[in-house]
Amino acid sequence: MKNDMFLQSLGLARRAGKLCYGYDSVVAQKHSLSAVFISSMLSARTEKNLVFALGDRNIKIVHLEYGMSELGCAIGTKPIGIIGISDKGFAELLIGKLHREVTE
């Protein structure tokens, strides 16, 4: 697993209780989500179903360059393809970490 700030911040969000993961959990909590992060290995059909299920809510959908196993390892679970963040501050922090890593 890469030792980068995005994955570390994801683990922090998990410990803070501001994270849900998996298709069913993310769709069930769609009313409280600020952002959804999608793994690069997620199938196009699952992504299409997720976007449809989230509807017209103001939820940022962010595509990641990480595989499912990297995301799962970062939050201490099995490989996972969809992660939802319920806290706006954590969502902005994670998106900022991604932007910083891309530009550096």
PDB file of N, CA and C in Angstrom:
ATOM      1  N   MET A   1       0.831  -1.184   0.000  1.00  0.00           N
ATOM      2  CA  MET A   1       0.000   0.000   0.000  1.00  0.00           C
ATOM      3  C   MET A   1       0.873   1.244   0.000  1.00  0.00           C
ATOM      4  N   LYS A   2       0.473   2.216  -0.780  1.00  0.00           N
ATOM      5  CA  LYS A   2       1.200   3.471  -0.821  1.00  0.00           C
ATOM      6  C   LYS A   2       1.036   4.188   0.517  1.00  0.00           C
ATOM      7  N   ASN A   3       2.085   4.837   0.938  1.00  0.00           N
ATOM      8  CA  ASN A   3       2.039   5.594   2.183  1.00  0.00           C
ATOM      9  C   ASN A   3       1.791   7.054   1.837  1.00  0.00           C
ATOM     10  N   ASP A   4       0.581   7.373   1.418  1.00  0.00           N
ATOM     11  CA  ASP A   4       0.298   8.754   1.040  1.00  0.00           C
ATOM     12  C   ASP A   4      -0.781   9.355   1.944  1.00  0.00           C
ATOM     13  N   MET A   5      -0.899  10.641   1.866  1.00  0.00           N
ATOM     14  CA  MET A   5      -1.771  11.391   2.770  1.00  0.00           C
ATOM     15  C   MET A   5      -3.254  11.122   2.530  1.00  0.00           C
ATOM     16  N   PHE A   6      -3.649  10.846   1.295  1.00  0.00           N
ATOM     17  CA  PHE A   6      -5.055  10.568   1.023  1.00  0.00           C
ATOM     18  C   PHE A   6      -5.503   9.313   1.754  1.00  0.00           C
ATOM     19  N   LEU A   7      -4.733   8.243   1.628  1.00  0.00           N
ATOM     20  CA  LEU A   7      -5.108   6.987   2.267  1.00  0.00           C
ATOM     21  C   LEU A   7      -5.065   7.102   3.789  1.00  0.00           C
ATOM     22  N   GLN A   8      -4.110   7.846   4.310  1.00  0.00           N
ATOM     23  CA  GLN A   8      -4.050   8.057   5.758  1.00  0.00           C
ATOM     24  C   GLN A   8      -5.265   8.849   6.240  1.00  0.00           C
ATOM     25  N   SER A   9      -5.669   9.845   5.472  1.00  0.00           N
ATOM     26  CA  SER A   9      -6.833  10.647   5.834  1.00  0.00           C
ATOM     27  C   SER A   9      -8.119   9.837   5.753  1.00  0.00           C
ATOM     28  N   LEU A  10      -8.174   8.885   4.829  1.00  0.00           N
ATOM     29  CA  LEU A  10      -9.322   7.997   4.738  1.00  0.00           C
ATOM     30  C   LEU A  10      -9.449   7.144   5.998  1.00  0.00           C
ATOM     31  N   GLY A  11      -8.321   6.647   6.480  1.00  0.00           N
ATOM     32  CA  GLY A  11      -8.317   5.893   7.724  1.00  0.00           C
ATOM     33  C   GLY A  11      -8.762   6.742   8.902  1.00  0.00           C
ATOM     34  N   LEU A  12      -8.362   7.996   8.915  1.00  0.00           N
ATOM     35  CA  LEU A  12      -8.769   8.925   9.964  1.00  0.00           C
ATOM     36  C   LEU A  12     -10.282   9.149   9.929  1.00  0.00           C
ATOM     37  N   ALA A  13     -10.847   9.303   8.731  1.00  0.00           N
ATOM     38  CA  ALA A  13     -12.289   9.480   8.590  1.00  0.00           C
ATOM     39  C   ALA A  13     -13.040   8.244   9.079  1.00  0.00           C
ATOM     40  N   ARG A  14     -12.480   7.080   8.829  1.00  0.00           N
ATOM     41  CA  ARG A  14     -13.099   5.828   9.304  1.00  0.00           C
ATOM     42  C   ARG A  14     -13.114   5.790  10.828  1.00  0.00           C
ATOM     43  N   ARG A  15     -12.006   6.129  11.436  1.00  0.00           N
ATOM     44  CA  ARG A  15     -11.928   6.118  12.900  1.00  0.00           C
ATOM     45  C   ARG A  15     -12.843   7.179  13.523  1.00  0.00           C
ATOM     46  N   ALA A  16     -13.088   8.261  12.802  1.00  0.00           N
ATOM     47  CA  ALA A  16     -13.965   9.323  13.295  1.00  0.00           C
ATOM     48  C   ALA A  16     -15.443   8.986  13.092  1.00  0.00           C
ATOM     49  N   GLY A  17     -15.730   7.921  12.354  1.00  0.00           N
ATOM     50  CA  GLY A  17     -17.110   7.515  12.122  1.00  0.00           C
ATOM     51  C   GLY A  17     -17.816   8.319  11.049  1.00  0.00           C
ATOM     52  N   LYS A  18     -17.070   8.944  10.162  1.00  0.00           N
ATOM     53  CA  LYS A  18     -17.640   9.787   9.110  1.00  0.00           C
ATOM     54  C   LYS A  18     -17.609   9.108   7.747  1.00  0.00           C
ATOM     55  N   LEU A  19     -17.434   7.802   7.723  1.00  0.00           N
ATOM     56  CA  LEU A  19     -17.232   7.084   6.475  1.00  0.00           C
ATOM     57  C   LEU A  19     -18.172   5.885   6.412  1.00  0.00           C
ATOM     58  N   CYS A  20     -18.728   5.634   5.234  1.00  0.00           N
ATOM     59  CA  CYS A  20     -19.458   4.397   4.986  1.00  0.00           C
ATOM     60  C   CYS A  20     -18.898   3.811   3.690  1.00  0.00           C
ATOM     61  N   TYR A  21     -19.009   2.515   3.531  1.00  0.00           N
ATOM     62  CA  TYR A  21     -18.415   1.887   2.355  1.00  0.00           C
ATOM     63  C   TYR A  21     -19.292   0.756   1.863  1.00  0.00           C
ATOM     64  N   GLY A  22     -19.174   0.487   0.582  1.00  0.00           N
ATOM     65  CA  GLY A  22     -19.989  -0.533  -0.052  1.00  0.00           C
ATOM     66  C   GLY A  22     -21.224   0.098  -0.680  1.00  0.00           C
ATOM     67  N   TYR A  23     -21.703  -0.517  -1.743  1.00  0.00           N
ATOM     68  CA  TYR A  23     -22.825   0.034  -2.510  1.00  0.00           C
ATOM     69  C   TYR A  23     -24.060   0.231  -1.640  1.00  0.00           C
ATOM     70  N   ASP A  24     -24.475  -0.814  -0.936  1.00  0.00           N
ATOM     71  CA  ASP A  24     -25.712  -0.745  -0.156  1.00  0.00           C
ATOM     72  C   ASP A  24     -25.642   0.295   0.953  1.00  0.00           C
ATOM     73  N   SER A  25     -24.538   0.357   1.641  1.00  0.00           N
ATOM     74  CA  SER A  25     -24.370   1.306   2.726  1.00  0.00           C
ATOM     75  C   SER A  25     -24.365   2.747   2.218  1.00  0.00           C
ATOM     76  N   VAL A  26     -23.690   2.985   1.111  1.00  0.00           N
ATOM     77  CA  VAL A  26     -23.615   4.339   0.548  1.00  0.00           C
ATOM     78  C   VAL A  26     -24.994   4.790   0.071  1.00  0.00           C
ATOM     79  N   VAL A  27     -25.723   3.910  -0.606  1.00  0.00           N
ATOM     80  CA  VAL A  27     -27.056   4.275  -1.091  1.00  0.00           C
ATOM     81  C   VAL A  27     -28.013   4.504   0.075  1.00  0.00           C
ATOM     82  N   ALA A  28     -27.900   3.706   1.131  1.00  0.00           N
ATOM     83  CA  ALA A  28     -28.777   3.866   2.298  1.00  0.00           C
ATOM     84  C   ALA A  28     -28.531   5.192   3.018  1.00  0.00           C
ATOM     85  N   GLN A  29     -27.305   5.686   2.981  1.00  0.00           N
ATOM     86  CA  GLN A  29     -26.964   6.923   3.681  1.00  0.00           C
ATOM     87  C   GLN A  29     -26.828   8.118   2.743  1.00  0.00           C
ATOM     88  N   LYS A  30     -27.418   8.042   1.572  1.00  0.00           N
ATOM     89  CA  LYS A  30     -27.247   9.093   0.563  1.00  0.00           C
ATOM     90  C   LYS A  30     -27.748  10.458   1.018  1.00  0.00           C
ATOM     91  N   HIS A  31     -28.650  10.498   1.978  1.00  0.00           N
ATOM     92  CA  HIS A  31     -29.183  11.784   2.439  1.00  0.00           C
ATOM     93  C   HIS A  31     -28.168  12.579   3.250  1.00  0.00           C
ATOM     94  N   SER A  32     -27.176  11.892   3.794  1.00  0.00           N
ATOM     95  CA  SER A  32     -26.206  12.591   4.651  1.00  0.00           C
ATOM     96  C   SER A  32     -24.809  12.679   4.052  1.00  0.00           C
ATOM     97  N   LEU A  33     -24.616  12.230   2.820  1.00  0.00           N
ATOM     98  CA  LEU A  33     -23.274  12.198   2.228  1.00  0.00           C
ATOM     99  C   LEU A  33     -22.882  13.525   1.593  1.00  0.00           C
ATOM    100  N   SER A  34     -21.584  13.846   1.701  1.00  0.00           N
ATOM    101  CA  SER A  34     -21.024  15.020   1.040  1.00  0.00           C
ATOM    102  C   SER A  34     -20.232  14.640  -0.202  1.00  0.00           C
ATOM    103  N   ALA A  35     -19.604  13.454  -0.171  1.00  0.00           N
ATOM    104  CA  ALA A  35     -18.797  13.007  -1.313  1.00  0.00           C
ATOM    105  C   ALA A  35     -18.790  11.483  -1.357  1.00  0.00           C
ATOM    106  N   VAL A  36     -18.618  10.967  -2.577  1.00  0.00           N
ATOM    107  CA  VAL A  36     -18.479   9.531  -2.793  1.00  0.00           C
ATOM    108  C   VAL A  36     -17.224   9.322  -3.625  1.00  0.00           C
ATOM    109  N   PHE A  37     -16.361   8.430  -3.156  1.00  0.00           N
ATOM    110  CA  PHE A  37     -15.120   8.102  -3.854  1.00  0.00           C
ATOM    111  C   PHE A  37     -15.260   6.732  -4.481  1.00  0.00           C
ATOM    112  N   ILE A  38     -14.892   6.633  -5.758  1.00  0.00           N
ATOM    113  CA  ILE A  38     -15.054   5.404  -6.526  1.00  0.00           C
ATOM    114  C   ILE A  38     -13.693   4.898  -6.974  1.00  0.00           C
ATOM    115  N   SER A  39     -13.443   3.622  -6.746  1.00  0.00           N
ATOM    116  CA  SER A  39     -12.187   2.987  -7.139  1.00  0.00           C
ATOM    117  C   SER A  39     -12.076   2.886  -8.657  1.00  0.00           C
ATOM    118  N   SER A  40     -10.857   2.831  -9.151  1.00  0.00           N
ATOM    119  CA  SER A  40     -10.629   2.682 -10.588  1.00  0.00           C
ATOM    120  C   SER A  40     -11.040   1.302 -11.088  1.00  0.00           C
ATOM    121  N   MET A  41     -11.169   0.346 -10.188  1.00  0.00           N
ATOM    122  CA  MET A  41     -11.500  -1.025 -10.581  1.00  0.00           C
ATOM    123  C   MET A  41     -13.005  -1.312 -10.550  1.00  0.00           C
ATOM    124  N   LEU A  42     -13.813  -0.332 -10.182  1.00  0.00           N
ATOM    125  CA  LEU A  42     -15.259  -0.523 -10.108  1.00  0.00           C
ATOM    126  C   LEU A  42     -15.830  -0.671 -11.516  1.00  0.00           C
ATOM    127  N   SER A  43     -16.760  -1.578 -11.690  1.00  0.00           N
ATOM    128  CA  SER A  43     -17.327  -1.806 -13.015  1.00  0.00           C
ATOM    129  C   SER A  43     -18.189  -0.617 -13.440  1.00  0.00           C
ATOM    130  N   ALA A  44     -18.309  -0.434 -14.746  1.00  0.00           N
ATOM    131  CA  ALA A  44     -19.092   0.668 -15.292  1.00  0.00           C
ATOM    132  C   ALA A  44     -20.565   0.513 -14.924  1.00  0.00           C
ATOM    133  N   ARG A  45     -21.051  -0.705 -14.877  1.00  0.00           N
ATOM    134  CA  ARG A  45     -22.455  -0.954 -14.541  1.00  0.00           C
ATOM    135  C   ARG A  45     -22.744  -0.555 -13.088  1.00  0.00           C
ATOM    136  N   THR A  46     -21.856  -0.919 -12.178  1.00  0.00           N
ATOM    137  CA  THR A  46     -22.045  -0.560 -10.777  1.00  0.00           C
ATOM    138  C   THR A  46     -21.993   0.958 -10.613  1.00  0.00           C
ATOM    139  N   GLU A  47     -21.079   1.605 -11.303  1.00  0.00           N
ATOM    140  CA  GLU A  47     -20.989   3.059 -11.237  1.00  0.00           C
ATOM    141  C   GLU A  47     -22.257   3.712 -11.770  1.00  0.00           C
ATOM    142  N   LYS A  48     -22.771   3.198 -12.862  1.00  0.00           N
ATOM    143  CA  LYS A  48     -24.001   3.735 -13.450  1.00  0.00           C
ATOM    144  C   LYS A  48     -25.172   3.567 -12.481  1.00  0.00           C
ATOM    145  N   ASN A  49     -25.276   2.410 -11.849  1.00  0.00           N
ATOM    146  CA  ASN A  49     -26.340   2.167 -10.878  1.00  0.00           C
ATOM    147  C   ASN A  49     -26.203   3.081  -9.661  1.00  0.00           C
ATOM    148  N   LEU A  50     -24.970   3.326  -9.233  1.00  0.00           N
ATOM    149  CA  LEU A  50     -24.722   4.201  -8.097  1.00  0.00           C
ATOM    150  C   LEU A  50     -25.151   5.633  -8.408  1.00  0.00           C
ATOM    151  N   VAL A  51     -24.766   6.137  -9.551  1.00  0.00           N
ATOM    152  CA  VAL A  51     -25.133   7.505  -9.949  1.00  0.00           C
ATOM    153  C   VAL A  51     -26.649   7.632 -10.021  1.00  0.00           C
ATOM    154  N   PHE A  52     -27.319   6.614 -10.552  1.00  0.00           N
ATOM    155  CA  PHE A  52     -28.777   6.625 -10.634  1.00  0.00           C
ATOM    156  C   PHE A  52     -29.399   6.606  -9.234  1.00  0.00           C
ATOM    157  N   ALA A  53     -28.854   5.778  -8.347  1.00  0.00           N
ATOM    158  CA  ALA A  53     -29.393   5.657  -6.989  1.00  0.00           C
ATOM    159  C   ALA A  53     -29.194   6.933  -6.174  1.00  0.00           C
ATOM    160  N   LEU A  54     -28.085   7.629  -6.406  1.00  0.00           N
ATOM    161  CA  LEU A  54     -27.837   8.870  -5.672  1.00  0.00           C
ATOM    162  C   LEU A  54     -28.745   9.989  -6.152  1.00  0.00           C
ATOM    163  N   GLY A  55     -29.201   9.900  -7.379  1.00  0.00           N
ATOM    164  CA  GLY A  55     -30.150  10.867  -7.909  1.00  0.00           C
ATOM    165  C   GLY A  55     -29.547  12.239  -8.104  1.00  0.00           C
ATOM    166  N   ASP A  56     -30.380  13.252  -7.887  1.00  0.00           N
ATOM    167  CA  ASP A  56     -29.982  14.643  -8.114  1.00  0.00           C
ATOM    168  C   ASP A  56     -29.430  15.316  -6.870  1.00  0.00           C
ATOM    169  N   ARG A  57     -28.981  14.561  -5.937  1.00  0.00           N
ATOM    170  CA  ARG A  57     -28.424  15.136  -4.710  1.00  0.00           C
ATOM    171  C   ARG A  57     -27.105  15.849  -5.039  1.00  0.00           C
ATOM    172  N   ASN A  58     -26.770  16.799  -4.202  1.00  0.00           N
ATOM    173  CA  ASN A  58     -25.538  17.563  -4.392  1.00  0.00           C
ATOM    174  C   ASN A  58     -24.374  16.814  -3.735  1.00  0.00           C
ATOM    175  N   ILE A  59     -24.034  15.650  -4.288  1.00  0.00           N
ATOM    176  CA  ILE A  59     -22.963  14.804  -3.766  1.00  0.00           C
ATOM    177  C   ILE A  59     -21.851  14.773  -4.803  1.00  0.00           C
ATOM    178  N   LYS A  60     -20.641  15.108  -4.369  1.00  0.00           N
ATOM    179  CA  LYS A  60     -19.493  15.065  -5.278  1.00  0.00           C
ATOM    180  C   LYS A  60     -19.095  13.607  -5.481  1.00  0.00           C
ATOM    181  N   ILE A  61     -18.935  13.214  -6.732  1.00  0.00           N
ATOM    182  CA  ILE A  61     -18.483  11.869  -7.063  1.00  0.00           C
ATOM    183  C   ILE A  61     -17.066  12.000  -7.607  1.00  0.00           C
ATOM    184  N   VAL A  62     -16.121  11.355  -6.928  1.00  0.00           N
ATOM    185  CA  VAL A  62     -14.706  11.484  -7.259  1.00  0.00           C
ATOM    186  C   VAL A  62     -14.175  10.124  -7.688  1.00  0.00           C
ATOM    187  N   HIS A  63     -13.580  10.072  -8.877  1.00  0.00           N
ATOM    188  CA  HIS A  63     -12.956   8.847  -9.365  1.00  0.00           C
ATOM    189  C   HIS A  63     -11.503   8.807  -8.897  1.00  0.00           C
ATOM    190  N   LEU A  64     -11.117   7.686  -8.341  1.00  0.00           N
ATOM    191  CA  LEU A  64      -9.776   7.531  -7.782  1.00  0.00           C
ATOM    192  C   LEU A  64      -8.898   6.672  -8.678  1.00  0.00           C
ATOM    193  N   GLU A  65      -7.612   6.820  -8.511  1.00  0.00           N
ATOM    194  CA  GLU A  65      -6.634   6.001  -9.214  1.00  0.00           C
ATOM    195  C   GLU A  65      -6.246   4.769  -8.396  1.00  0.00           C
ATOM    196  N   TYR A  66      -6.859   4.602  -7.244  1.00  0.00           N
ATOM    197  CA  TYR A  66      -6.533   3.491  -6.350  1.00  0.00           C
ATOM    198  C   TYR A  66      -7.387   2.281  -6.676  1.00  0.00           C
ATOM    199  N   GLY A  67      -6.813   1.114  -6.463  1.00  0.00           N
ATOM    200  CA  GLY A  67      -7.551  -0.124  -6.628  1.00  0.00           C
ATOM    201  C   GLY A  67      -8.370  -0.427  -5.388  1.00  0.00           C
ATOM    202  N   MET A  68      -9.209  -1.439  -5.499  1.00  0.00           N
ATOM    203  CA  MET A  68     -10.076  -1.806  -4.389  1.00  0.00           C
ATOM    204  C   MET A  68      -9.291  -2.298  -3.178  1.00  0.00           C
ATOM    205  N   SER A  69      -8.232  -3.020  -3.417  1.00  0.00           N
ATOM    206  CA  SER A  69      -7.452  -3.545  -2.290  1.00  0.00           C
ATOM    207  C   SER A  69      -6.736  -2.426  -1.541  1.00  0.00           C
ATOM    208  N   GLU A  70      -6.270  -1.407  -2.250  1.00  0.00           N
ATOM    209  CA  GLU A  70      -5.611  -0.272  -1.591  1.00  0.00           C
ATOM    210  C   GLU A  70      -6.595   0.489  -0.703  1.00  0.00           C
ATOM    211  N   LEU A  71      -7.810   0.699  -1.201  1.00  0.00           N
ATOM    212  CA  LEU A  71      -8.815   1.404  -0.411  1.00  0.00           C
ATOM    213  C   LEU A  71      -9.229   0.578   0.800  1.00  0.00           C
ATOM    214  N   GLY A  72      -9.422  -0.715   0.590  1.00  0.00           N
ATOM    215  CA  GLY A  72      -9.791  -1.585   1.696  1.00  0.00           C
ATOM    216  C   GLY A  72      -8.728  -1.636   2.772  1.00  0.00           C
ATOM    217  N   CYS A  73      -7.488  -1.705   2.362  1.00  0.00           N
ATOM    218  CA  CYS A  73      -6.380  -1.735   3.315  1.00  0.00           C
ATOM    219  C   CYS A  73      -6.300  -0.420   4.091  1.00  0.00           C
ATOM    220  N   ALA A  74      -6.581   0.690   3.439  1.00  0.00           N
ATOM    221  CA  ALA A  74      -6.505   2.003   4.094  1.00  0.00           C
ATOM    222  C   ALA A  74      -7.548   2.155   5.195  1.00  0.00           C
ATOM    223  N   ILE A  75      -8.714   1.533   5.012  1.00  0.00           N
ATOM    224  CA  ILE A  75      -9.757   1.672   6.032  1.00  0.00           C
ATOM    225  C   ILE A  75      -9.905   0.417   6.887  1.00  0.00           C
ATOM    226  N   GLY A  76      -9.069  -0.575   6.640  1.00  0.00           N
ATOM    227  CA  GLY A  76      -9.043  -1.756   7.482  1.00  0.00           C
ATOM    228  C   GLY A  76     -10.143  -2.758   7.210  1.00  0.00           C
ATOM    229  N   THR A  77     -10.521  -2.915   5.948  1.00  0.00           N
ATOM    230  CA  THR A  77     -11.559  -3.875   5.584  1.00  0.00           C
ATOM    231  C   THR A  77     -11.102  -4.710   4.399  1.00  0.00           C
ATOM    232  N   LYS A  78     -12.022  -5.507   3.895  1.00  0.00           N
ATOM    233  CA  LYS A  78     -11.774  -6.248   2.659  1.00  0.00           C
ATOM    234  C   LYS A  78     -11.700  -5.254   1.493  1.00  0.00           C
ATOM    235  N   PRO A  79     -11.275  -5.673   0.317  1.00  0.00           N
ATOM    236  CA  PRO A  79     -11.249  -4.749  -0.828  1.00  0.00           C
ATOM    237  C   PRO A  79     -12.629  -4.124  -1.065  1.00  0.00           C
ATOM    238  N   ILE A  80     -12.627  -2.829  -1.272  1.00  0.00           N
ATOM    239  CA  ILE A  80     -13.876  -2.079  -1.387  1.00  0.00           C
ATOM    240  C   ILE A  80     -13.781  -1.080  -2.532  1.00  0.00           C
ATOM    241  N   GLY A  81     -14.879  -0.875  -3.267  1.00  0.00           N
ATOM    242  CA  GLY A  81     -14.853  -0.018  -4.450  1.00  0.00           C
ATOM    243  C   GLY A  81     -15.544   1.319  -4.301  1.00  0.00           C
ATOM    244  N   ILE A  82     -16.419   1.451  -3.283  1.00  0.00           N
ATOM    245  CA  ILE A  82     -17.194   2.676  -3.110  1.00  0.00           C
ATOM    246  C   ILE A  82     -17.083   3.127  -1.659  1.00  0.00           C
ATOM    247  N   ILE A  83     -16.721   4.384  -1.468  1.00  0.00           N
ATOM    248  CA  ILE A  83     -16.613   4.948  -0.124  1.00  0.00           C
ATOM    249  C   ILE A  83     -17.371   6.270  -0.090  1.00  0.00           C
ATOM    250  N   GLY A  84     -18.230   6.422   0.906  1.00  0.00           N
ATOM    251  CA  GLY A  84     -18.987   7.655   1.093  1.00  0.00           C
ATOM    252  C   GLY A  84     -18.512   8.389   2.336  1.00  0.00           C
ATOM    253  N   ILE A  85     -18.435   9.705   2.255  1.00  0.00           N
ATOM    254  CA  ILE A  85     -18.016  10.545   3.374  1.00  0.00           C
ATOM    255  C   ILE A  85     -19.200  11.420   3.779  1.00  0.00           C
ATOM    256  N   SER A  86     -19.574  11.369   5.051  1.00  0.00           N
ATOM    257  CA  SER A  86     -20.737  12.113   5.508  1.00  0.00           C
ATOM    258  C   SER A  86     -20.395  13.515   6.020  1.00  0.00           C
ATOM    259  N   ASP A  87     -19.164  13.752   6.366  1.00  0.00           N
ATOM    260  CA  ASP A  87     -18.761  15.051   6.906  1.00  0.00           C
ATOM    261  C   ASP A  87     -18.192  15.931   5.796  1.00  0.00           C
ATOM    262  N   LYS A  88     -18.716  17.150   5.675  1.00  0.00           N
ATOM    263  CA  LYS A  88     -18.268  18.058   4.616  1.00  0.00           C
ATOM    264  C   LYS A  88     -16.795  18.423   4.764  1.00  0.00           C
ATOM    265  N   GLY A  89     -16.328  18.612   5.988  1.00  0.00           N
ATOM    266  CA  GLY A  89     -14.929  18.955   6.229  1.00  0.00           C
ATOM    267  C   GLY A  89     -13.981  17.841   5.809  1.00  0.00           C
ATOM    268  N   PHE A  90     -14.324  16.603   6.152  1.00  0.00           N
ATOM    269  CA  PHE A  90     -13.498  15.472   5.732  1.00  0.00           C
ATOM    270  C   PHE A  90     -13.514  15.323   4.211  1.00  0.00           C
ATOM    271  N   ALA A  91     -14.670  15.549   3.597  1.00  0.00           N
ATOM    272  CA  ALA A  91     -14.768  15.443   2.141  1.00  0.00           C
ATOM    273  C   ALA A  91     -13.842  16.458   1.463  1.00  0.00           C
ATOM    274  N   GLU A  92     -13.861  17.684   1.947  1.00  0.00           N
ATOM    275  CA  GLU A  92     -12.991  18.724   1.382  1.00  0.00           C
ATOM    276  C   GLU A  92     -11.521  18.411   1.624  1.00  0.00           C
ATOM    277  N   LEU A  93     -11.210  17.883   2.804  1.00  0.00           N
ATOM    278  CA  LEU A  93      -9.838  17.498   3.127  1.00  0.00           C
ATOM    279  C   LEU A  93      -9.341  16.414   2.170  1.00  0.00           C
ATOM    280  N   LEU A  94     -10.149  15.388   1.954  1.00  0.00           N
ATOM    281  CA  LEU A  94      -9.752  14.288   1.076  1.00  0.00           C
ATOM    282  C   LEU A  94      -9.594  14.739  -0.375  1.00  0.00           C
ATOM    283  N   ILE A  95     -10.516  15.563  -0.843  1.00  0.00           N
ATOM    284  CA  ILE A  95     -10.412  16.070  -2.215  1.00  0.00           C
ATOM    285  C   ILE A  95      -9.178  16.957  -2.346  1.00  0.00           C
ATOM    286  N   GLY A  96      -8.886  17.741  -1.334  1.00  0.00           N
ATOM    287  CA  GLY A  96      -7.674  18.564  -1.330  1.00  0.00           C
ATOM    288  C   GLY A  96      -6.412  17.721  -1.368  1.00  0.00           C
ATOM    289  N   LYS A  97      -6.397  16.617  -0.629  1.00  0.00           N
ATOM    290  CA  LYS A  97      -5.232  15.712  -0.644  1.00  0.00           C
ATOM    291  C   LYS A  97      -5.040  15.117  -2.027  1.00  0.00           C
ATOM    292  N   LEU A  98      -6.129  14.762  -2.690  1.00  0.00           N
ATOM    293  CA  LEU A  98      -6.021  14.211  -4.050  1.00  0.00           C
ATOM    294  C   LEU A  98      -5.466  15.255  -5.005  1.00  0.00           C
ATOM    295  N   HIS A  99      -5.980  16.472  -4.921  1.00  0.00           N
ATOM    296  CA  HIS A  99      -5.526  17.543  -5.813  1.00  0.00           C
ATOM    297  C   HIS A  99      -4.035  17.846  -5.588  1.00  0.00           C
ATOM    298  N   ARG A 100      -3.643  17.844  -4.337  1.00  0.00           N
ATOM    299  CA  ARG A 100      -2.250  18.139  -4.002  1.00  0.00           C
ATOM    300  C   ARG A 100      -1.335  17.064  -4.559  1.00  0.00           C
ATOM    301  N   GLU A 101      -1.750  15.795  -4.499  1.00  0.00           N
ATOM    302  CA  GLU A 101      -0.908  14.706  -4.991  1.00  0.00           C
ATOM    303  C   GLU A 101      -0.807  14.717  -6.507  1.00  0.00           C
ATOM    304  N   VAL A 102      -1.878  15.158  -7.170  1.00  0.00           N
ATOM    305  CA  VAL A 102      -1.861  15.216  -8.629  1.00  0.00           C
ATOM    306  C   VAL A 102      -0.925  16.322  -9.105  1.00  0.00           C
ATOM    307  N   THR A 103      -0.945  17.471  -8.431  1.00  0.00           N
ATOM    308  CA  THR A 103      -0.144  18.596  -8.887  1.00  0.00           C
ATOM    309  C   THR A 103       1.315  18.497  -8.499  1.00  0.00           C
ATOM    310  N   GLU A 104       1.631  17.751  -7.466  1.00  0.00           N
ATOM    311  CA  GLU A 104       3.027  17.667  -7.036  1.00  0.00           C
ATOM    312  C   GLU A 104       3.821  16.713  -7.892  1.00  0.00           C
TER     313      GLU A 104
END
